Amino acid sequence: MSIRVVIVDDHPMFRMGVRALLYSLDDIELVGEAADLPSALEVVPATNPDVVLMDLNLGNGSGVEATAALVRDDPHRRILVLTMLDDDDSVFAAMRAGARGYLLKGASPAELERAVRAIANGDTLLSAAVAHRALGFLTGARTAGSPFPELTQRELDVLDLVARGLDNLAVARRLSLSDKTVRNYLSAILAKLRVADRAQAIVRAREAGLGGAK
C-alpha cells in the first residue's frame, strides 16, 4: 500500500524537487500540494495523507500555526517539518504544535525518503543536528523564576512586548526579527500556553507580571 504525502511549501522550485523525488519512489504517492496556510488547511483534510511535509515559512502564514490547526483537527495527523530553520525556538515550536519529525532542507534525498517512511510508520524523527539541540534543551537548566518555564527566552521577550500592546511589526522591529518569525513565535506561544488567541495570551502575560513599562 502506498504512503500518501502532501507537500506544504511556498517555494515552487522546492516543491518541484520534492515532487520529482516522490514520483521516483514506487510506494510513495504525492496526493496534494499547498503553497500557503489557507490552502494547507483545505488540501490536507481533503486528501487525508499519511504524511504532511510542512515548511515553517508559508509566505503570509506560519507552518507552526498550520501544524497546530491540523493536529487539533486530527490528533493522529503525521506532520514532518521540512525547513531551513534550525534554531531552538523553531524546532520546539514545531514539535509542541504537534509535528512528528523535523528535517532540514539540506537533507539528502535518501534522508528525506527515510524520514517519510519513519513518520508514516508512526515513529518520531529528528535530523542529527536537531536531535543534538533537543538533547541540549532536555539536559540544560531552565531559567530560574521564569513565569512561563515552558517558553524559551525569545518567546518570553515576544510575549512581554505583545503584552505591552505592541503589534507584530513593532515587536519585529524591537527584536530585529522578521514579521513572519514573530508570527511563528506567537503561534508557538499560544500552543504552549494553551490559549485560543492573542487577547488571552495578553491576559495570562499581564497576570504573570509581563508587559509592564520598562
N, C-alpha and C. Protein backbone atom coordinates (compact mmCIF):
# COMPACT_ATOMS: atom_id res chain seq x y z
N MET A 1 0.86 -1.20 0.00
CA MET A 1 0.00 0.00 0.00
C MET A 1 0.89 1.24 0.00
N SER A 2 0.56 2.22 -0.82
CA SER A 2 1.38 3.41 -0.97
C SER A 2 1.26 4.33 0.24
N ILE A 3 2.34 5.05 0.52
CA ILE A 3 2.34 6.11 1.52
C ILE A 3 1.90 7.39 0.83
N ARG A 4 0.82 7.98 1.31
CA ARG A 4 0.25 9.16 0.67
C ARG A 4 0.83 10.41 1.33
N VAL A 5 1.31 11.34 0.50
CA VAL A 5 2.04 12.51 1.00
C VAL A 5 1.45 13.80 0.43
N VAL A 6 1.40 14.84 1.25
CA VAL A 6 1.07 16.20 0.82
C VAL A 6 2.27 17.09 1.12
N ILE A 7 2.62 17.96 0.19
CA ILE A 7 3.69 18.95 0.39
C ILE A 7 3.06 20.30 0.69
N VAL A 8 3.51 20.95 1.75
CA VAL A 8 3.08 22.32 2.07
C VAL A 8 4.33 23.19 2.09
N ASP A 9 4.52 23.99 1.04
CA ASP A 9 5.73 24.82 0.91
C ASP A 9 5.44 25.93 -0.08
N ASP A 10 5.89 27.14 0.22
CA ASP A 10 5.56 28.27 -0.65
C ASP A 10 6.59 28.50 -1.75
N HIS A 11 7.60 27.63 -1.88
CA HIS A 11 8.60 27.77 -2.95
C HIS A 11 8.33 26.76 -4.05
N PRO A 12 7.87 27.19 -5.22
CA PRO A 12 7.53 26.27 -6.31
C PRO A 12 8.70 25.37 -6.73
N MET A 13 9.90 25.92 -6.75
CA MET A 13 11.04 25.11 -7.18
C MET A 13 11.34 24.00 -6.17
N PHE A 14 11.18 24.31 -4.90
CA PHE A 14 11.43 23.27 -3.89
C PHE A 14 10.36 22.19 -3.99
N ARG A 15 9.11 22.59 -4.16
CA ARG A 15 8.04 21.60 -4.32
C ARG A 15 8.32 20.72 -5.54
N MET A 16 8.83 21.34 -6.60
CA MET A 16 9.14 20.58 -7.81
C MET A 16 10.19 19.51 -7.53
N GLY A 17 11.22 19.87 -6.76
CA GLY A 17 12.26 18.90 -6.43
C GLY A 17 11.75 17.76 -5.59
N VAL A 18 10.94 18.08 -4.58
CA VAL A 18 10.37 17.03 -3.73
C VAL A 18 9.40 16.17 -4.53
N ARG A 19 8.64 16.81 -5.40
CA ARG A 19 7.70 16.08 -6.25
C ARG A 19 8.44 15.05 -7.11
N ALA A 20 9.55 15.47 -7.71
CA ALA A 20 10.34 14.58 -8.56
C ALA A 20 10.85 13.39 -7.75
N LEU A 21 11.31 13.66 -6.53
CA LEU A 21 11.79 12.56 -5.68
C LEU A 21 10.67 11.59 -5.36
N LEU A 22 9.52 12.10 -4.96
CA LEU A 22 8.42 11.22 -4.59
C LEU A 22 7.93 10.40 -5.78
N TYR A 23 7.90 11.02 -6.97
CA TYR A 23 7.47 10.30 -8.16
C TYR A 23 8.43 9.16 -8.53
N SER A 24 9.69 9.27 -8.07
CA SER A 24 10.67 8.23 -8.38
C SER A 24 10.56 7.02 -7.46
N LEU A 25 9.73 7.12 -6.43
CA LEU A 25 9.60 6.05 -5.45
C LEU A 25 8.29 5.30 -5.69
N ASP A 26 8.38 4.01 -5.88
CA ASP A 26 7.21 3.23 -6.29
C ASP A 26 6.08 3.23 -5.28
N ASP A 27 6.40 3.22 -4.00
CA ASP A 27 5.36 3.05 -2.98
C ASP A 27 5.08 4.31 -2.18
N ILE A 28 5.47 5.47 -2.71
CA ILE A 28 5.12 6.75 -2.10
C ILE A 28 4.38 7.59 -3.13
N GLU A 29 3.19 8.06 -2.77
CA GLU A 29 2.32 8.76 -3.73
C GLU A 29 2.07 10.20 -3.28
N LEU A 30 2.33 11.15 -4.14
CA LEU A 30 2.01 12.55 -3.86
C LEU A 30 0.53 12.78 -4.17
N VAL A 31 -0.23 13.18 -3.16
CA VAL A 31 -1.68 13.32 -3.35
C VAL A 31 -2.14 14.77 -3.27
N GLY A 32 -1.24 15.71 -2.97
CA GLY A 32 -1.65 17.10 -2.90
C GLY A 32 -0.51 18.03 -2.58
N GLU A 33 -0.71 19.31 -2.92
CA GLU A 33 0.28 20.35 -2.64
C GLU A 33 -0.45 21.60 -2.17
N ALA A 34 0.23 22.37 -1.32
CA ALA A 34 -0.31 23.65 -0.86
C ALA A 34 0.85 24.62 -0.73
N ALA A 35 0.58 25.89 -1.06
CA ALA A 35 1.63 26.91 -1.02
C ALA A 35 1.45 27.91 0.11
N ASP A 36 0.34 27.82 0.84
CA ASP A 36 0.11 28.77 1.92
C ASP A 36 -0.78 28.15 2.99
N LEU A 37 -0.99 28.88 4.05
CA LEU A 37 -1.75 28.36 5.19
C LEU A 37 -3.19 28.00 4.84
N PRO A 38 -3.97 28.89 4.20
CA PRO A 38 -5.35 28.52 3.88
C PRO A 38 -5.44 27.27 3.00
N SER A 39 -4.56 27.19 2.00
CA SER A 39 -4.59 26.01 1.11
C SER A 39 -4.26 24.74 1.87
N ALA A 40 -3.30 24.83 2.79
CA ALA A 40 -2.93 23.66 3.58
C ALA A 40 -4.11 23.16 4.40
N LEU A 41 -4.86 24.09 4.98
CA LEU A 41 -6.00 23.71 5.82
C LEU A 41 -7.15 23.15 5.01
N GLU A 42 -7.11 23.32 3.69
CA GLU A 42 -8.10 22.72 2.81
C GLU A 42 -7.61 21.40 2.23
N VAL A 43 -6.38 21.41 1.72
CA VAL A 43 -5.86 20.26 0.99
C VAL A 43 -5.63 19.05 1.89
N VAL A 44 -5.07 19.28 3.07
CA VAL A 44 -4.72 18.15 3.94
C VAL A 44 -5.96 17.37 4.39
N PRO A 45 -7.01 18.02 4.94
CA PRO A 45 -8.20 17.24 5.30
C PRO A 45 -8.87 16.58 4.10
N ALA A 46 -8.81 17.25 2.95
CA ALA A 46 -9.50 16.71 1.76
C ALA A 46 -8.81 15.46 1.24
N THR A 47 -7.49 15.39 1.36
CA THR A 47 -6.74 14.25 0.82
C THR A 47 -6.38 13.21 1.86
N ASN A 48 -6.39 13.60 3.13
CA ASN A 48 -6.10 12.69 4.24
C ASN A 48 -4.81 11.89 4.01
N PRO A 49 -3.68 12.58 3.89
CA PRO A 49 -2.43 11.89 3.61
C PRO A 49 -1.88 11.14 4.83
N ASP A 50 -0.95 10.24 4.57
CA ASP A 50 -0.26 9.56 5.66
C ASP A 50 0.80 10.46 6.28
N VAL A 51 1.40 11.33 5.46
CA VAL A 51 2.45 12.23 5.91
C VAL A 51 2.26 13.59 5.25
N VAL A 52 2.42 14.66 6.05
CA VAL A 52 2.42 16.03 5.52
C VAL A 52 3.83 16.58 5.65
N LEU A 53 4.42 17.01 4.55
CA LEU A 53 5.72 17.68 4.58
C LEU A 53 5.45 19.17 4.73
N MET A 54 5.86 19.77 5.85
CA MET A 54 5.45 21.11 6.21
C MET A 54 6.64 22.07 6.34
N ASP A 55 6.66 23.12 5.53
CA ASP A 55 7.63 24.19 5.72
C ASP A 55 7.11 25.10 6.85
N LEU A 56 8.02 25.84 7.51
CA LEU A 56 7.58 26.72 8.59
C LEU A 56 7.25 28.12 8.11
N ASN A 57 7.88 28.57 7.04
CA ASN A 57 7.57 29.88 6.47
C ASN A 57 6.68 29.71 5.26
N LEU A 58 5.44 30.17 5.37
CA LEU A 58 4.47 29.98 4.30
C LEU A 58 4.01 31.33 3.75
N GLY A 59 4.94 32.16 3.36
CA GLY A 59 4.56 33.46 2.82
C GLY A 59 3.94 34.32 3.90
N ASN A 60 2.63 34.47 3.86
CA ASN A 60 1.93 35.29 4.86
C ASN A 60 1.35 34.43 5.99
N GLY A 61 1.84 33.20 6.11
CA GLY A 61 1.34 32.32 7.15
C GLY A 61 2.47 31.58 7.84
N SER A 62 2.13 30.85 8.88
CA SER A 62 3.10 30.13 9.69
C SER A 62 2.87 28.64 9.61
N GLY A 63 3.95 27.89 9.37
CA GLY A 63 3.84 26.43 9.37
C GLY A 63 3.56 25.88 10.75
N VAL A 64 4.01 26.60 11.78
CA VAL A 64 3.69 26.18 13.15
C VAL A 64 2.18 26.30 13.38
N GLU A 65 1.61 27.40 12.92
CA GLU A 65 0.16 27.59 13.05
C GLU A 65 -0.60 26.54 12.26
N ALA A 66 -0.13 26.24 11.05
CA ALA A 66 -0.78 25.22 10.23
C ALA A 66 -0.70 23.86 10.90
N THR A 67 0.47 23.53 11.44
CA THR A 67 0.65 22.26 12.13
C THR A 67 -0.30 22.14 13.31
N ALA A 68 -0.35 23.18 14.13
CA ALA A 68 -1.24 23.15 15.31
C ALA A 68 -2.70 22.99 14.90
N ALA A 69 -3.12 23.70 13.85
CA ALA A 69 -4.52 23.61 13.41
C ALA A 69 -4.84 22.22 12.87
N LEU A 70 -3.94 21.66 12.09
CA LEU A 70 -4.18 20.35 11.51
C LEU A 70 -4.21 19.26 12.57
N VAL A 71 -3.35 19.39 13.57
CA VAL A 71 -3.32 18.39 14.64
C VAL A 71 -4.54 18.53 15.55
N ARG A 72 -5.00 19.76 15.75
CA ARG A 72 -6.25 19.94 16.52
C ARG A 72 -7.40 19.27 15.79
N ASP A 73 -7.42 19.39 14.47
CA ASP A 73 -8.47 18.78 13.67
C ASP A 73 -8.41 17.26 13.71
N ASP A 74 -7.18 16.72 13.73
CA ASP A 74 -6.98 15.27 13.76
C ASP A 74 -5.70 14.98 14.53
N PRO A 75 -5.78 14.58 15.79
CA PRO A 75 -4.59 14.34 16.61
C PRO A 75 -3.67 13.27 16.06
N HIS A 76 -4.18 12.46 15.14
CA HIS A 76 -3.35 11.39 14.55
C HIS A 76 -2.61 11.86 13.30
N ARG A 77 -2.76 13.12 12.95
CA ARG A 77 -2.10 13.66 11.77
C ARG A 77 -0.58 13.55 11.93
N ARG A 78 0.09 13.08 10.89
CA ARG A 78 1.54 12.89 10.94
C ARG A 78 2.22 13.95 10.08
N ILE A 79 2.87 14.88 10.75
CA ILE A 79 3.47 16.03 10.07
C ILE A 79 4.98 16.00 10.25
N LEU A 80 5.68 16.05 9.13
CA LEU A 80 7.15 16.13 9.12
C LEU A 80 7.55 17.52 8.66
N VAL A 81 8.13 18.30 9.56
CA VAL A 81 8.59 19.64 9.20
C VAL A 81 9.83 19.50 8.32
N LEU A 82 9.84 20.26 7.22
CA LEU A 82 10.96 20.27 6.29
C LEU A 82 11.27 21.73 6.02
N THR A 83 12.34 22.24 6.63
CA THR A 83 12.55 23.68 6.67
C THR A 83 14.03 24.03 6.64
N MET A 84 14.31 25.32 6.41
CA MET A 84 15.67 25.84 6.50
C MET A 84 16.01 26.25 7.94
N LEU A 85 15.02 26.39 8.79
CA LEU A 85 15.21 26.93 10.14
C LEU A 85 15.71 25.85 11.09
N ASP A 86 16.87 26.11 11.72
CA ASP A 86 17.41 25.11 12.64
C ASP A 86 17.64 25.67 14.04
N ASP A 87 17.02 26.82 14.36
CA ASP A 87 17.18 27.40 15.69
C ASP A 87 16.28 26.68 16.69
N ASP A 88 16.67 26.77 17.96
CA ASP A 88 15.93 26.07 19.02
C ASP A 88 14.46 26.43 19.05
N ASP A 89 14.16 27.72 18.93
CA ASP A 89 12.77 28.16 19.05
C ASP A 89 11.90 27.54 17.96
N SER A 90 12.40 27.51 16.73
CA SER A 90 11.62 26.93 15.63
C SER A 90 11.39 25.44 15.84
N VAL A 91 12.45 24.74 16.26
CA VAL A 91 12.34 23.30 16.48
C VAL A 91 11.28 22.99 17.52
N PHE A 92 11.38 23.65 18.68
CA PHE A 92 10.47 23.30 19.76
C PHE A 92 9.06 23.84 19.55
N ALA A 93 8.94 24.95 18.82
CA ALA A 93 7.60 25.44 18.48
C ALA A 93 6.89 24.42 17.60
N ALA A 94 7.60 23.89 16.61
CA ALA A 94 7.00 22.91 15.71
C ALA A 94 6.63 21.62 16.42
N MET A 95 7.52 21.13 17.27
CA MET A 95 7.25 19.87 17.96
C MET A 95 6.12 20.04 18.97
N ARG A 96 6.09 21.19 19.65
CA ARG A 96 4.99 21.41 20.59
C ARG A 96 3.66 21.59 19.87
N ALA A 97 3.71 22.06 18.65
CA ALA A 97 2.47 22.22 17.87
C ALA A 97 1.94 20.88 17.39
N GLY A 98 2.78 19.84 17.45
CA GLY A 98 2.30 18.50 17.10
C GLY A 98 3.03 17.81 15.98
N ALA A 99 4.11 18.41 15.47
CA ALA A 99 4.89 17.76 14.41
C ALA A 99 5.48 16.46 14.93
N ARG A 100 5.57 15.45 14.06
CA ARG A 100 6.15 14.16 14.43
C ARG A 100 7.63 14.08 14.08
N GLY A 101 8.11 15.02 13.28
CA GLY A 101 9.51 15.00 12.87
C GLY A 101 9.97 16.35 12.40
N TYR A 102 11.30 16.52 12.33
CA TYR A 102 11.88 17.81 11.94
C TYR A 102 13.13 17.53 11.14
N LEU A 103 13.12 17.94 9.88
CA LEU A 103 14.22 17.68 8.97
C LEU A 103 14.59 18.98 8.27
N LEU A 104 15.89 19.21 8.09
CA LEU A 104 16.34 20.42 7.42
C LEU A 104 16.35 20.20 5.91
N LYS A 105 16.16 21.29 5.18
CA LYS A 105 16.07 21.19 3.72
C LYS A 105 17.38 20.79 3.06
N GLY A 106 18.47 20.83 3.80
CA GLY A 106 19.74 20.35 3.27
C GLY A 106 19.88 18.84 3.30
N ALA A 107 18.87 18.15 3.79
CA ALA A 107 18.92 16.68 3.86
C ALA A 107 19.01 16.08 2.47
N SER A 108 19.65 14.93 2.38
CA SER A 108 19.78 14.24 1.10
C SER A 108 18.45 13.58 0.74
N PRO A 109 18.26 13.24 -0.55
CA PRO A 109 17.04 12.51 -0.93
C PRO A 109 16.84 11.23 -0.14
N ALA A 110 17.92 10.52 0.15
CA ALA A 110 17.80 9.28 0.92
C ALA A 110 17.32 9.57 2.34
N GLU A 111 17.82 10.65 2.92
CA GLU A 111 17.38 11.03 4.27
C GLU A 111 15.92 11.41 4.29
N LEU A 112 15.49 12.15 3.27
CA LEU A 112 14.08 12.54 3.20
C LEU A 112 13.20 11.31 3.03
N GLU A 113 13.60 10.39 2.18
CA GLU A 113 12.82 9.18 1.99
C GLU A 113 12.70 8.40 3.29
N ARG A 114 13.82 8.23 4.01
CA ARG A 114 13.79 7.51 5.28
C ARG A 114 12.88 8.21 6.28
N ALA A 115 12.92 9.54 6.27
CA ALA A 115 12.09 10.30 7.20
C ALA A 115 10.61 10.10 6.90
N VAL A 116 10.24 10.18 5.65
CA VAL A 116 8.84 9.98 5.26
C VAL A 116 8.36 8.60 5.69
N ARG A 117 9.18 7.60 5.44
CA ARG A 117 8.78 6.23 5.81
C ARG A 117 8.67 6.08 7.33
N ALA A 118 9.59 6.70 8.05
CA ALA A 118 9.55 6.60 9.52
C ALA A 118 8.30 7.27 10.08
N ILE A 119 8.01 8.48 9.59
CA ILE A 119 6.82 9.19 10.09
C ILE A 119 5.55 8.43 9.72
N ALA A 120 5.49 7.90 8.51
CA ALA A 120 4.32 7.12 8.09
C ALA A 120 4.13 5.89 8.97
N ASN A 121 5.25 5.37 9.48
CA ASN A 121 5.22 4.18 10.32
C ASN A 121 4.86 4.50 11.78
N GLY A 122 4.67 5.79 12.06
CA GLY A 122 4.29 6.18 13.41
C GLY A 122 5.46 6.57 14.30
N ASP A 123 6.67 6.63 13.74
CA ASP A 123 7.84 7.00 14.52
C ASP A 123 7.97 8.52 14.62
N THR A 124 8.82 8.97 15.52
CA THR A 124 9.21 10.37 15.60
C THR A 124 10.64 10.48 15.13
N LEU A 125 10.94 11.46 14.31
CA LEU A 125 12.28 11.55 13.73
C LEU A 125 12.79 12.98 13.76
N LEU A 126 14.02 13.14 14.20
CA LEU A 126 14.71 14.43 14.17
C LEU A 126 16.02 14.24 13.41
N SER A 127 16.38 15.22 12.60
CA SER A 127 17.68 15.16 11.94
C SER A 127 18.76 15.21 13.02
N ALA A 128 19.98 14.80 12.67
CA ALA A 128 21.06 14.71 13.65
C ALA A 128 21.30 16.06 14.34
N ALA A 129 21.34 17.13 13.57
CA ALA A 129 21.60 18.45 14.14
C ALA A 129 20.48 18.87 15.08
N VAL A 130 19.25 18.58 14.68
CA VAL A 130 18.10 18.95 15.50
C VAL A 130 18.05 18.10 16.77
N ALA A 131 18.37 16.82 16.65
CA ALA A 131 18.38 15.93 17.81
C ALA A 131 19.41 16.40 18.83
N HIS A 132 20.54 16.90 18.35
CA HIS A 132 21.56 17.42 19.25
C HIS A 132 21.03 18.62 20.03
N ARG A 133 20.30 19.50 19.34
CA ARG A 133 19.71 20.65 20.01
C ARG A 133 18.68 20.21 21.06
N ALA A 134 17.88 19.21 20.70
CA ALA A 134 16.85 18.73 21.61
C ALA A 134 17.47 18.14 22.87
N LEU A 135 18.56 17.39 22.70
CA LEU A 135 19.23 16.80 23.85
C LEU A 135 19.77 17.89 24.77
N GLY A 136 20.34 18.92 24.17
CA GLY A 136 20.85 20.03 24.97
C GLY A 136 19.74 20.73 25.73
N PHE A 137 18.59 20.86 25.09
CA PHE A 137 17.45 21.51 25.74
C PHE A 137 16.95 20.68 26.92
N LEU A 138 16.87 19.36 26.73
CA LEU A 138 16.32 18.49 27.76
C LEU A 138 17.26 18.34 28.95
N THR A 139 18.56 18.45 28.71
CA THR A 139 19.53 18.27 29.80
C THR A 139 19.96 19.58 30.42
N GLY A 140 19.63 20.71 29.77
CA GLY A 140 20.05 22.01 30.28
C GLY A 140 19.08 22.54 31.31
N ALA A 141 19.58 23.45 32.10
CA ALA A 141 18.74 24.04 33.14
C ALA A 141 17.85 25.12 32.53
N ARG A 142 16.64 25.22 32.99
CA ARG A 142 15.71 26.27 32.55
C ARG A 142 15.97 27.53 33.37
N THR A 143 15.54 28.66 32.87
CA THR A 143 15.74 29.92 33.57
C THR A 143 14.97 29.92 34.89
N ALA A 144 15.69 30.17 35.98
CA ALA A 144 15.07 30.16 37.30
C ALA A 144 14.07 31.30 37.41
N GLY A 145 12.92 30.98 38.01
CA GLY A 145 11.95 32.01 38.29
C GLY A 145 11.17 32.49 37.07
N SER A 146 11.26 31.83 35.94
CA SER A 146 10.53 32.25 34.76
C SER A 146 9.03 32.09 35.00
N PRO A 147 8.21 33.09 34.65
CA PRO A 147 6.76 32.95 34.86
C PRO A 147 6.14 31.87 33.99
N PHE A 148 6.77 31.57 32.87
CA PHE A 148 6.30 30.52 31.97
C PHE A 148 7.49 29.65 31.57
N PRO A 149 7.86 28.66 32.39
CA PRO A 149 9.05 27.86 32.10
C PRO A 149 8.96 27.08 30.80
N GLU A 150 7.76 26.91 30.27
CA GLU A 150 7.61 26.20 29.00
C GLU A 150 8.02 27.05 27.80
N LEU A 151 8.16 28.36 28.01
CA LEU A 151 8.54 29.25 26.91
C LEU A 151 10.05 29.45 26.89
N THR A 152 10.60 29.60 25.67
CA THR A 152 12.00 29.96 25.54
C THR A 152 12.17 31.43 25.90
N GLN A 153 13.43 31.84 26.08
CA GLN A 153 13.66 33.24 26.42
C GLN A 153 13.16 34.17 25.32
N ARG A 154 13.37 33.79 24.07
CA ARG A 154 12.91 34.64 22.97
C ARG A 154 11.39 34.72 22.94
N GLU A 155 10.71 33.62 23.23
CA GLU A 155 9.24 33.64 23.29
C GLU A 155 8.76 34.54 24.43
N LEU A 156 9.49 34.52 25.55
CA LEU A 156 9.15 35.42 26.65
C LEU A 156 9.32 36.88 26.24
N ASP A 157 10.38 37.16 25.48
CA ASP A 157 10.60 38.53 25.00
C ASP A 157 9.44 38.98 24.12
N VAL A 158 9.02 38.09 23.21
CA VAL A 158 7.91 38.42 22.31
C VAL A 158 6.63 38.63 23.11
N LEU A 159 6.35 37.72 24.04
CA LEU A 159 5.12 37.82 24.83
C LEU A 159 5.10 39.10 25.66
N ASP A 160 6.25 39.47 26.22
CA ASP A 160 6.32 40.69 27.02
C ASP A 160 5.96 41.91 26.18
N LEU A 161 6.50 41.97 24.95
CA LEU A 161 6.21 43.12 24.10
C LEU A 161 4.76 43.13 23.63
N VAL A 162 4.22 41.96 23.33
CA VAL A 162 2.82 41.86 22.94
C VAL A 162 1.93 42.31 24.10
N ALA A 163 2.30 41.92 25.32
CA ALA A 163 1.52 42.31 26.50
C ALA A 163 1.59 43.81 26.75
N ARG A 164 2.61 44.47 26.21
CA ARG A 164 2.71 45.92 26.34
C ARG A 164 1.85 46.63 25.31
N GLY A 165 1.26 45.86 24.38
CA GLY A 165 0.37 46.44 23.39
C GLY A 165 1.00 46.63 22.02
N LEU A 166 2.22 46.14 21.81
CA LEU A 166 2.86 46.30 20.50
C LEU A 166 2.26 45.32 19.50
N ASP A 167 2.12 45.77 18.25
CA ASP A 167 1.66 44.86 17.20
C ASP A 167 2.85 44.06 16.67
N ASN A 168 2.58 43.13 15.75
CA ASN A 168 3.64 42.24 15.26
C ASN A 168 4.79 43.00 14.63
N LEU A 169 4.48 44.03 13.84
CA LEU A 169 5.53 44.77 13.16
C LEU A 169 6.42 45.49 14.17
N ALA A 170 5.81 46.06 15.21
CA ALA A 170 6.59 46.75 16.22
C ALA A 170 7.46 45.78 17.01
N VAL A 171 6.90 44.60 17.31
CA VAL A 171 7.69 43.57 18.00
C VAL A 171 8.87 43.16 17.14
N ALA A 172 8.62 42.96 15.84
CA ALA A 172 9.68 42.56 14.93
C ALA A 172 10.81 43.59 14.90
N ARG A 173 10.42 44.86 14.84
CA ARG A 173 11.43 45.92 14.81
C ARG A 173 12.22 45.97 16.11
N ARG A 174 11.52 45.83 17.23
CA ARG A 174 12.19 45.93 18.53
C ARG A 174 13.21 44.79 18.73
N LEU A 175 12.87 43.59 18.23
CA LEU A 175 13.73 42.42 18.45
C LEU A 175 14.59 42.07 17.23
N SER A 176 14.53 42.92 16.19
CA SER A 176 15.30 42.69 14.96
C SER A 176 14.96 41.33 14.35
N LEU A 177 13.66 41.08 14.24
CA LEU A 177 13.16 39.85 13.65
C LEU A 177 12.30 40.19 12.44
N SER A 178 12.00 39.19 11.63
CA SER A 178 11.05 39.39 10.54
C SER A 178 9.63 39.25 11.08
N ASP A 179 8.68 39.82 10.35
CA ASP A 179 7.28 39.71 10.74
C ASP A 179 6.84 38.25 10.77
N LYS A 180 7.32 37.46 9.80
CA LYS A 180 6.97 36.04 9.76
C LYS A 180 7.50 35.30 10.99
N THR A 181 8.71 35.64 11.40
CA THR A 181 9.28 34.98 12.58
C THR A 181 8.48 35.32 13.83
N VAL A 182 8.03 36.56 13.95
CA VAL A 182 7.20 36.94 15.09
C VAL A 182 5.90 36.13 15.08
N ARG A 183 5.29 35.97 13.90
CA ARG A 183 4.07 35.17 13.82
C ARG A 183 4.33 33.73 14.25
N ASN A 184 5.49 33.19 13.86
CA ASN A 184 5.83 31.83 14.28
C ASN A 184 5.94 31.74 15.80
N TYR A 185 6.61 32.74 16.39
CA TYR A 185 6.73 32.75 17.85
C TYR A 185 5.36 32.83 18.51
N LEU A 186 4.49 33.69 17.99
CA LEU A 186 3.17 33.84 18.60
C LEU A 186 2.36 32.56 18.50
N SER A 187 2.45 31.87 17.37
CA SER A 187 1.75 30.59 17.24
C SER A 187 2.24 29.59 18.28
N ALA A 188 3.56 29.56 18.47
CA ALA A 188 4.13 28.66 19.47
C ALA A 188 3.68 29.03 20.87
N ILE A 189 3.65 30.34 21.16
CA ILE A 189 3.24 30.81 22.48
C ILE A 189 1.79 30.41 22.77
N LEU A 190 0.91 30.60 21.80
CA LEU A 190 -0.50 30.23 22.00
C LEU A 190 -0.62 28.74 22.27
N ALA A 191 0.14 27.94 21.53
CA ALA A 191 0.07 26.49 21.71
C ALA A 191 0.61 26.08 23.08
N LYS A 192 1.73 26.66 23.47
CA LYS A 192 2.34 26.29 24.76
C LYS A 192 1.50 26.73 25.95
N LEU A 193 0.90 27.91 25.85
CA LEU A 193 0.08 28.42 26.96
C LEU A 193 -1.35 27.88 26.92
N ARG A 194 -1.66 27.16 25.84
CA ARG A 194 -3.00 26.57 25.67
C ARG A 194 -4.09 27.64 25.74
N VAL A 195 -3.85 28.73 25.01
CA VAL A 195 -4.85 29.79 24.91
C VAL A 195 -5.30 29.90 23.46
N ALA A 196 -6.48 30.44 23.27
CA ALA A 196 -7.09 30.43 21.94
C ALA A 196 -6.62 31.56 21.04
N ASP A 197 -6.25 32.69 21.64
CA ASP A 197 -5.92 33.83 20.79
C ASP A 197 -4.97 34.79 21.51
N ARG A 198 -4.60 35.83 20.79
CA ARG A 198 -3.65 36.83 21.30
C ARG A 198 -4.18 37.50 22.57
N ALA A 199 -5.47 37.82 22.60
CA ALA A 199 -6.04 38.50 23.76
C ALA A 199 -5.88 37.68 25.03
N GLN A 200 -6.14 36.38 24.93
CA GLN A 200 -6.00 35.52 26.10
C GLN A 200 -4.54 35.41 26.53
N ALA A 201 -3.63 35.39 25.56
CA ALA A 201 -2.20 35.35 25.88
C ALA A 201 -1.79 36.62 26.63
N ILE A 202 -2.32 37.77 26.21
CA ILE A 202 -2.00 39.03 26.87
C ILE A 202 -2.51 39.01 28.32
N VAL A 203 -3.70 38.50 28.53
CA VAL A 203 -4.24 38.41 29.89
C VAL A 203 -3.34 37.55 30.77
N ARG A 204 -2.95 36.36 30.25
CA ARG A 204 -2.07 35.47 31.01
C ARG A 204 -0.74 36.16 31.32
N ALA A 205 -0.19 36.85 30.31
CA ALA A 205 1.10 37.51 30.49
C ALA A 205 1.04 38.60 31.55
N ARG A 206 0.00 39.41 31.50
CA ARG A 206 -0.12 40.51 32.47
C ARG A 206 -0.39 39.99 33.88
N GLU A 207 -1.13 38.89 33.97
CA GLU A 207 -1.34 38.27 35.29
C GLU A 207 -0.03 37.77 35.88
N ALA A 208 0.90 37.39 35.00
CA ALA A 208 2.20 36.88 35.45
C ALA A 208 3.23 37.98 35.64
N GLY A 209 2.83 39.22 35.38
CA GLY A 209 3.74 40.33 35.61
C GLY A 209 4.49 40.83 34.38
N LEU A 210 4.19 40.27 33.21
CA LEU A 210 4.81 40.74 31.99
C LEU A 210 4.04 41.95 31.45
N GLY A 211 4.69 42.69 30.56
CA GLY A 211 4.02 43.80 29.89
C GLY A 211 4.10 45.12 30.62
N GLY A 212 4.87 45.18 31.71
CA GLY A 212 4.99 46.43 32.44
C GLY A 212 5.94 47.38 31.75
N ALA A 213 5.83 48.66 32.03
CA ALA A 213 6.71 49.66 31.42
C ALA A 213 8.14 49.45 31.89
N LYS A 214 9.07 49.63 30.94
CA LYS A 214 10.49 49.47 31.27
C LYS A 214 11.24 50.70 30.83
